[in-house]
Amino acid sequence: LAAAILTLVINVGAYTGEIVRAGMDTIPHGQI
């Protein structure tokens, strides 16, 4: 079970990272 969850975390973490990065890139630099 630990190996299964660890693999899920590693896998979804990569996909989530790209989704979040895409959202962060939409923030106008002027606001920052």
PDB file of all heavy atoms in Angstrom:
ATOM      1  N   LEU A   1       0.829  -1.204   0.000  1.00  0.00           N
ATOM      2  CA  LEU A   1       0.000   0.000   0.000  1.00  0.00           C
ATOM      3  C   LEU A   1       0.866   1.258   0.000  1.00  0.00           C
ATOM      4  O   LEU A   1       0.540   2.241  -0.678  1.00  0.00           O
ATOM      5  CB  LEU A   1      -0.935   0.001   1.204  1.00  0.00           C
ATOM      6  CG  LEU A   1      -2.073   1.026   1.182  1.00  0.00           C
ATOM      7  CD1 LEU A   1      -2.946   0.844  -0.048  1.00  0.00           C
ATOM      8  CD2 LEU A   1      -2.916   0.928   2.449  1.00  0.00           C
ATOM      9  N   ALA A   2       1.970   1.235   0.740  1.00  0.00           N
ATOM     10  CA  ALA A   2       2.864   2.400   0.763  1.00  0.00           C
ATOM     11  C   ALA A   2       3.470   2.640  -0.607  1.00  0.00           C
ATOM     12  O   ALA A   2       3.572   3.795  -1.058  1.00  0.00           O
ATOM     13  CB  ALA A   2       3.964   2.187   1.803  1.00  0.00           C
ATOM     14  N   ALA A   3       3.881   1.577  -1.294  1.00  0.00           N
ATOM     15  CA  ALA A   3       4.447   1.726  -2.638  1.00  0.00           C
ATOM     16  C   ALA A   3       3.405   2.257  -3.612  1.00  0.00           C
ATOM     17  O   ALA A   3       3.715   3.107  -4.475  1.00  0.00           O
ATOM     18  CB  ALA A   3       4.982   0.378  -3.125  1.00  0.00           C
ATOM     19  N   ALA A   4       2.169   1.776  -3.490  1.00  0.00           N
ATOM     20  CA  ALA A   4       1.097   2.236  -4.374  1.00  0.00           C
ATOM     21  C   ALA A   4       0.821   3.724  -4.174  1.00  0.00           C
ATOM     22  O   ALA A   4       0.723   4.491  -5.145  1.00  0.00           O
ATOM     23  CB  ALA A   4      -0.168   1.420  -4.127  1.00  0.00           C
ATOM     24  N   ILE A   5       0.711   4.150  -2.922  1.00  0.00           N
ATOM     25  CA  ILE A   5       0.425   5.558  -2.639  1.00  0.00           C
ATOM     26  C   ILE A   5       1.597   6.438  -3.044  1.00  0.00           C
ATOM     27  O   ILE A   5       1.409   7.523  -3.617  1.00  0.00           O
ATOM     28  CB  ILE A   5       0.088   5.741  -1.153  1.00  0.00           C
ATOM     29  CG1 ILE A   5      -1.239   5.050  -0.821  1.00  0.00           C
ATOM     30  CG2 ILE A   5       0.008   7.227  -0.792  1.00  0.00           C
ATOM     31  CD1 ILE A   5      -1.605   5.080   0.651  1.00  0.00           C
ATOM     32  N   LEU A   6       2.826   5.987  -2.762  1.00  0.00           N
ATOM     33  CA  LEU A   6       4.003   6.772  -3.133  1.00  0.00           C
ATOM     34  C   LEU A   6       4.061   6.996  -4.641  1.00  0.00           C
ATOM     35  O   LEU A   6       4.351   8.111  -5.101  1.00  0.00           O
ATOM     36  CB  LEU A   6       5.270   6.052  -2.656  1.00  0.00           C
ATOM     37  CG  LEU A   6       6.598   6.721  -3.027  1.00  0.00           C
ATOM     38  CD1 LEU A   6       6.684   8.118  -2.445  1.00  0.00           C
ATOM     39  CD2 LEU A   6       7.773   5.865  -2.566  1.00  0.00           C
ATOM     40  N   THR A   7       3.757   5.958  -5.400  1.00  0.00           N
ATOM     41  CA  THR A   7       3.774   6.101  -6.856  1.00  0.00           C
ATOM     42  C   THR A   7       2.686   7.059  -7.324  1.00  0.00           C
ATOM     43  O   THR A   7       2.916   7.884  -8.218  1.00  0.00           O
ATOM     44  CB  THR A   7       3.587   4.740  -7.533  1.00  0.00           C
ATOM     45  OG1 THR A   7       4.497   3.797  -6.973  1.00  0.00           O
ATOM     46  CG2 THR A   7       3.845   4.844  -9.026  1.00  0.00           C
ATOM     47  N   LEU A   8       1.503   6.969  -6.727  1.00  0.00           N
ATOM     48  CA  LEU A   8       0.435   7.899  -7.068  1.00  0.00           C
ATOM     49  C   LEU A   8       0.847   9.336  -6.768  1.00  0.00           C
ATOM     50  O   LEU A   8       0.603  10.245  -7.573  1.00  0.00           O
ATOM     51  CB  LEU A   8      -0.837   7.552  -6.289  1.00  0.00           C
ATOM     52  CG  LEU A   8      -1.655   6.350  -6.755  1.00  0.00           C
ATOM     53  CD1 LEU A   8      -2.778   6.062  -5.765  1.00  0.00           C
ATOM     54  CD2 LEU A   8      -2.230   6.585  -8.146  1.00  0.00           C
ATOM     55  N   VAL A   9       1.479   9.556  -5.615  1.00  0.00           N
ATOM     56  CA  VAL A   9       1.903  10.902  -5.223  1.00  0.00           C
ATOM     57  C   VAL A   9       2.934  11.439  -6.207  1.00  0.00           C
ATOM     58  O   VAL A   9       2.836  12.597  -6.665  1.00  0.00           O
ATOM     59  CB  VAL A   9       2.468  10.891  -3.795  1.00  0.00           C
ATOM     60  CG1 VAL A   9       3.144  12.221  -3.473  1.00  0.00           C
ATOM     61  CG2 VAL A   9       1.365  10.608  -2.788  1.00  0.00           C
ATOM     62  N   ILE A  10       3.921  10.631  -6.532  1.00  0.00           N
ATOM     63  CA  ILE A  10       4.967  11.068  -7.467  1.00  0.00           C
ATOM     64  C   ILE A  10       4.366  11.384  -8.825  1.00  0.00           C
ATOM     65  O   ILE A  10       4.704  12.383  -9.462  1.00  0.00           O
ATOM     66  CB  ILE A  10       6.050   9.982  -7.583  1.00  0.00           C
ATOM     67  CG1 ILE A  10       6.824   9.871  -6.262  1.00  0.00           C
ATOM     68  CG2 ILE A  10       7.002  10.278  -8.730  1.00  0.00           C
ATOM     69  CD1 ILE A  10       7.806   8.722  -6.230  1.00  0.00           C
ATOM     70  N   ASN A  11       3.454  10.530  -9.271  1.00  0.00           N
ATOM     71  CA  ASN A  11       2.856  10.712 -10.593  1.00  0.00           C
ATOM     72  C   ASN A  11       1.979  11.959 -10.654  1.00  0.00           C
ATOM     73  O   ASN A  11       2.154  12.818 -11.525  1.00  0.00           O
ATOM     74  CB  ASN A  11       2.047   9.474 -10.962  1.00  0.00           C
ATOM     75  CG  ASN A  11       1.484   9.535 -12.374  1.00  0.00           C
ATOM     76  OD1 ASN A  11       0.412  10.071 -12.589  1.00  0.00           O
ATOM     77  ND2 ASN A  11       2.218   8.987 -13.322  1.00  0.00           N
ATOM     78  N   VAL A  12       1.039  12.064  -9.728  1.00  0.00           N
ATOM     79  CA  VAL A  12       0.103  13.187  -9.788  1.00  0.00           C
ATOM     80  C   VAL A  12       0.803  14.502  -9.436  1.00  0.00           C
ATOM     81  O   VAL A  12       0.392  15.576  -9.884  1.00  0.00           O
ATOM     82  CB  VAL A  12      -1.105  12.935  -8.867  1.00  0.00           C
ATOM     83  CG1 VAL A  12      -0.764  13.205  -7.405  1.00  0.00           C
ATOM     84  CG2 VAL A  12      -2.291  13.796  -9.286  1.00  0.00           C
ATOM     85  N   GLY A  13       1.886  14.436  -8.641  1.00  0.00           N
ATOM     86  CA  GLY A  13       2.624  15.647  -8.314  1.00  0.00           C
ATOM     87  C   GLY A  13       3.207  16.308  -9.554  1.00  0.00           C
ATOM     88  O   GLY A  13       3.204  17.540  -9.662  1.00  0.00           O
ATOM     89  N   ALA A  14       3.697  15.504 -10.488  1.00  0.00           N
ATOM     90  CA  ALA A  14       4.266  16.057 -11.714  1.00  0.00           C
ATOM     91  C   ALA A  14       3.198  16.713 -12.574  1.00  0.00           C
ATOM     92  O   ALA A  14       3.386  17.827 -13.085  1.00  0.00           O
ATOM     93  CB  ALA A  14       4.981  14.959 -12.493  1.00  0.00           C
ATOM     94  N   TYR A  15       2.071  16.041 -12.747  1.00  0.00           N
ATOM     95  CA  TYR A  15       0.996  16.609 -13.565  1.00  0.00           C
ATOM     96  C   TYR A  15       0.395  17.842 -12.899  1.00  0.00           C
ATOM     97  O   TYR A  15       0.085  18.836 -13.557  1.00  0.00           O
ATOM     98  CB  TYR A  15      -0.076  15.557 -13.815  1.00  0.00           C
ATOM     99  CG  TYR A  15       0.324  14.513 -14.825  1.00  0.00           C
ATOM    100  CD1 TYR A  15       0.920  13.317 -14.428  1.00  0.00           C
ATOM    101  CD2 TYR A  15       0.126  14.722 -16.183  1.00  0.00           C
ATOM    102  CE1 TYR A  15       1.305  12.362 -15.356  1.00  0.00           C
ATOM    103  CE2 TYR A  15       0.509  13.767 -17.120  1.00  0.00           C
ATOM    104  CZ  TYR A  15       1.093  12.593 -16.694  1.00  0.00           C
ATOM    105  OH  TYR A  15       1.486  11.653 -17.620  1.00  0.00           O
ATOM    106  N   THR A  16       0.237  17.775 -11.583  1.00  0.00           N
ATOM    107  CA  THR A  16      -0.297  18.917 -10.852  1.00  0.00           C
ATOM    108  C   THR A  16       0.642  20.107 -10.955  1.00  0.00           C
ATOM    109  O   THR A  16       0.200  21.256 -11.092  1.00  0.00           O
ATOM    110  CB  THR A  16      -0.508  18.543  -9.372  1.00  0.00           C
ATOM    111  OG1 THR A  16      -1.441  17.464  -9.290  1.00  0.00           O
ATOM    112  CG2 THR A  16      -1.055  19.723  -8.583  1.00  0.00           C
ATOM    113  N   GLY A  17       1.945  19.836 -10.893  1.00  0.00           N
ATOM    114  CA  GLY A  17       2.918  20.920 -10.997  1.00  0.00           C
ATOM    115  C   GLY A  17       2.790  21.689 -12.296  1.00  0.00           C
ATOM    116  O   GLY A  17       2.864  22.933 -12.315  1.00  0.00           O
ATOM    117  N   GLU A  18       2.579  20.992 -13.395  1.00  0.00           N
ATOM    118  CA  GLU A  18       2.429  21.670 -14.679  1.00  0.00           C
ATOM    119  C   GLU A  18       1.126  22.460 -14.756  1.00  0.00           C
ATOM    120  O   GLU A  18       1.074  23.552 -15.327  1.00  0.00           O
ATOM    121  CB  GLU A  18       2.489  20.649 -15.821  1.00  0.00           C
ATOM    122  CG  GLU A  18       3.892  20.177 -16.150  1.00  0.00           C
ATOM    123  CD  GLU A  18       4.780  21.325 -16.622  1.00  0.00           C
ATOM    124  OE1 GLU A  18       4.749  21.639 -17.815  1.00  0.00           O
ATOM    125  OE2 GLU A  18       5.501  21.900 -15.782  1.00  0.00           O
ATOM    126  N   ILE A  19       0.064  21.898 -14.168  1.00  0.00           N
ATOM    127  CA  ILE A  19      -1.212  22.613 -14.175  1.00  0.00           C
ATOM    128  C   ILE A  19      -1.110  23.887 -13.350  1.00  0.00           C
ATOM    129  O   ILE A  19      -1.553  24.966 -13.782  1.00  0.00           O
ATOM    130  CB  ILE A  19      -2.334  21.704 -13.636  1.00  0.00           C
ATOM    131  CG1 ILE A  19      -2.564  20.520 -14.582  1.00  0.00           C
ATOM    132  CG2 ILE A  19      -3.629  22.496 -13.445  1.00  0.00           C
ATOM    133  CD1 ILE A  19      -3.528  19.483 -14.037  1.00  0.00           C
ATOM    134  N   VAL A  20      -0.518  23.786 -12.164  1.00  0.00           N
ATOM    135  CA  VAL A  20      -0.378  24.959 -11.300  1.00  0.00           C
ATOM    136  C   VAL A  20       0.542  25.990 -11.939  1.00  0.00           C
ATOM    137  O   VAL A  20       0.284  27.196 -11.888  1.00  0.00           O
ATOM    138  CB  VAL A  20       0.137  24.541  -9.911  1.00  0.00           C
ATOM    139  CG1 VAL A  20       0.434  25.778  -9.055  1.00  0.00           C
ATOM    140  CG2 VAL A  20      -0.881  23.656  -9.205  1.00  0.00           C
ATOM    141  N   ARG A  21       1.629  25.534 -12.556  1.00  0.00           N
ATOM    142  CA  ARG A  21       2.549  26.471 -13.209  1.00  0.00           C
ATOM    143  C   ARG A  21       1.855  27.222 -14.336  1.00  0.00           C
ATOM    144  O   ARG A  21       2.068  28.431 -14.518  1.00  0.00           O
ATOM    145  CB  ARG A  21       3.760  25.718 -13.760  1.00  0.00           C
ATOM    146  CG  ARG A  21       4.832  26.636 -14.368  1.00  0.00           C
ATOM    147  CD  ARG A  21       6.047  25.831 -14.779  1.00  0.00           C
ATOM    148  NE  ARG A  21       5.781  24.995 -15.920  1.00  0.00           N
ATOM    149  CZ  ARG A  21       5.962  25.379 -17.184  1.00  0.00           C
ATOM    150  NH1 ARG A  21       6.371  26.607 -17.465  1.00  0.00           N
ATOM    151  NH2 ARG A  21       5.708  24.549 -18.180  1.00  0.00           N
ATOM    152  N   ALA A  22       1.011  26.532 -15.081  1.00  0.00           N
ATOM    153  CA  ALA A  22       0.264  27.200 -16.143  1.00  0.00           C
ATOM    154  C   ALA A  22      -0.650  28.278 -15.566  1.00  0.00           C
ATOM    155  O   ALA A  22      -0.792  29.363 -16.141  1.00  0.00           O
ATOM    156  CB  ALA A  22      -0.548  26.178 -16.938  1.00  0.00           C
ATOM    157  N   GLY A  23      -1.270  27.986 -14.418  1.00  0.00           N
ATOM    158  CA  GLY A  23      -2.111  28.992 -13.779  1.00  0.00           C
ATOM    159  C   GLY A  23      -1.309  30.172 -13.273  1.00  0.00           C
ATOM    160  O   GLY A  23      -1.730  31.326 -13.398  1.00  0.00           O
ATOM    161  N   MET A  24      -0.133  29.909 -12.717  1.00  0.00           N
ATOM    162  CA  MET A  24       0.717  30.987 -12.218  1.00  0.00           C
ATOM    163  C   MET A  24       1.218  31.874 -13.353  1.00  0.00           C
ATOM    164  O   MET A  24       1.404  33.088 -13.184  1.00  0.00           O
ATOM    165  CB  MET A  24       1.884  30.400 -11.426  1.00  0.00           C
ATOM    166  CG  MET A  24       1.456  29.676 -10.155  1.00  0.00           C
ATOM    167  SD  MET A  24       2.780  28.710  -9.370  1.00  0.00           S
ATOM    168  CE  MET A  24       3.790  30.028  -8.703  1.00  0.00           C
ATOM    169  N   ASP A  25       1.436  31.292 -14.514  1.00  0.00           N
ATOM    170  CA  ASP A  25       1.919  32.066 -15.660  1.00  0.00           C
ATOM    171  C   ASP A  25       0.866  33.038 -16.185  1.00  0.00           C
ATOM    172  O   ASP A  25       1.194  33.955 -16.945  1.00  0.00           O
ATOM    173  CB  ASP A  25       2.366  31.129 -16.786  1.00  0.00           C
ATOM    174  CG  ASP A  25       3.675  30.415 -16.455  1.00  0.00           C
ATOM    175  OD1 ASP A  25       4.388  30.890 -15.540  1.00  0.00           O
ATOM    176  OD2 ASP A  25       3.979  29.395 -17.101  1.00  0.00           O
ATOM    177  N   THR A  26      -0.409  32.816 -15.814  1.00  0.00           N
ATOM    178  CA  THR A  26      -1.461  33.719 -16.296  1.00  0.00           C
ATOM    179  C   THR A  26      -1.589  34.985 -15.446  1.00  0.00           C
ATOM    180  O   THR A  26      -2.319  35.897 -15.824  1.00  0.00           O
ATOM    181  CB  THR A  26      -2.824  33.004 -16.304  1.00  0.00           C
ATOM    182  OG1 THR A  26      -3.201  32.676 -14.955  1.00  0.00           O
ATOM    183  CG2 THR A  26      -2.778  31.739 -17.139  1.00  0.00           C
ATOM    184  N   ILE A  27      -0.906  35.033 -14.311  1.00  0.00           N
ATOM    185  CA  ILE A  27      -0.987  36.210 -13.452  1.00  0.00           C
ATOM    186  C   ILE A  27      -0.196  37.353 -14.088  1.00  0.00           C
ATOM    187  O   ILE A  27       1.003  37.197 -14.350  1.00  0.00           O
ATOM    188  CB  ILE A  27      -0.435  35.904 -12.048  1.00  0.00           C
ATOM    189  CG1 ILE A  27      -1.159  34.697 -11.437  1.00  0.00           C
ATOM    190  CG2 ILE A  27      -0.561  37.126 -11.156  1.00  0.00           C
ATOM    191  CD1 ILE A  27      -2.644  34.863 -11.308  1.00  0.00           C
ATOM    192  N   PRO A  28      -0.813  38.486 -14.348  1.00  0.00           N
ATOM    193  CA  PRO A  28      -0.096  39.613 -14.977  1.00  0.00           C
ATOM    194  C   PRO A  28       1.075  40.076 -14.113  1.00  0.00           C
ATOM    195  O   PRO A  28       0.959  40.172 -12.885  1.00  0.00           O
ATOM    196  CB  PRO A  28      -1.166  40.705 -15.082  1.00  0.00           C
ATOM    197  CG  PRO A  28      -2.469  39.976 -15.024  1.00  0.00           C
ATOM    198  CD  PRO A  28      -2.240  38.796 -14.140  1.00  0.00           C
ATOM    199  N   HIS A  29       2.194  40.337 -14.760  1.00  0.00           N
ATOM    200  CA  HIS A  29       3.377  40.761 -14.009  1.00  0.00           C
ATOM    201  C   HIS A  29       3.144  42.107 -13.321  1.00  0.00           C
ATOM    202  O   HIS A  29       3.755  42.396 -12.289  1.00  0.00           O
ATOM    203  CB  HIS A  29       4.578  40.861 -14.949  1.00  0.00           C
ATOM    204  CG  HIS A  29       5.884  41.032 -14.228  1.00  0.00           C
ATOM    205  ND1 HIS A  29       6.442  40.042 -13.442  1.00  0.00           N
ATOM    206  CD2 HIS A  29       6.733  42.102 -14.156  1.00  0.00           C
ATOM    207  CE1 HIS A  29       7.572  40.476 -12.923  1.00  0.00           C
ATOM    208  NE2 HIS A  29       7.785  41.716 -13.330  1.00  0.00           N
ATOM    209  N   GLY A  30       2.240  42.906 -13.881  1.00  0.00           N
ATOM    210  CA  GLY A  30       1.939  44.203 -13.279  1.00  0.00           C
ATOM    211  C   GLY A  30       1.367  44.062 -11.873  1.00  0.00           C
ATOM    212  O   GLY A  30       1.640  44.910 -11.002  1.00  0.00           O
ATOM    213  N   GLN A  31       0.581  43.020 -11.651  1.00  0.00           N
ATOM    214  CA  GLN A  31       0.030  42.799 -10.315  1.00  0.00           C
ATOM    215  C   GLN A  31       1.136  42.489  -9.311  1.00  0.00           C
ATOM    216  O   GLN A  31       1.101  42.939  -8.159  1.00  0.00           O
ATOM    217  CB  GLN A  31      -0.981  41.648 -10.353  1.00  0.00           C
ATOM    218  CG  GLN A  31      -2.262  41.971 -11.104  1.00  0.00           C
ATOM    219  CD  GLN A  31      -3.287  40.861 -10.988  1.00  0.00           C
ATOM    220  OE1 GLN A  31      -3.175  39.987 -10.142  1.00  0.00           O
ATOM    221  NE2 GLN A  31      -4.293  40.898 -11.847  1.00  0.00           N
ATOM    222  N   ILE A  32       2.127  41.724  -9.759  1.00  0.00           N
ATOM    223  CA  ILE A  32       3.243  41.390  -8.870  1.00  0.00           C
ATOM    224  C   ILE A  32       4.058  42.644  -8.557  1.00  0.00           C
ATOM    225  O   ILE A  32       4.448  42.877  -7.397  1.00  0.00           O
ATOM    226  CB  ILE A  32       4.122  40.314  -9.522  1.00  0.00           C
ATOM    227  CG1 ILE A  32       3.289  39.052  -9.812  1.00  0.00           C
ATOM    228  CG2 ILE A  32       5.317  39.979  -8.640  1.00  0.00           C
ATOM    229  CD1 ILE A  32       4.029  37.996 -10.590  1.00  0.00           C
TER     230      ILE A  32
END
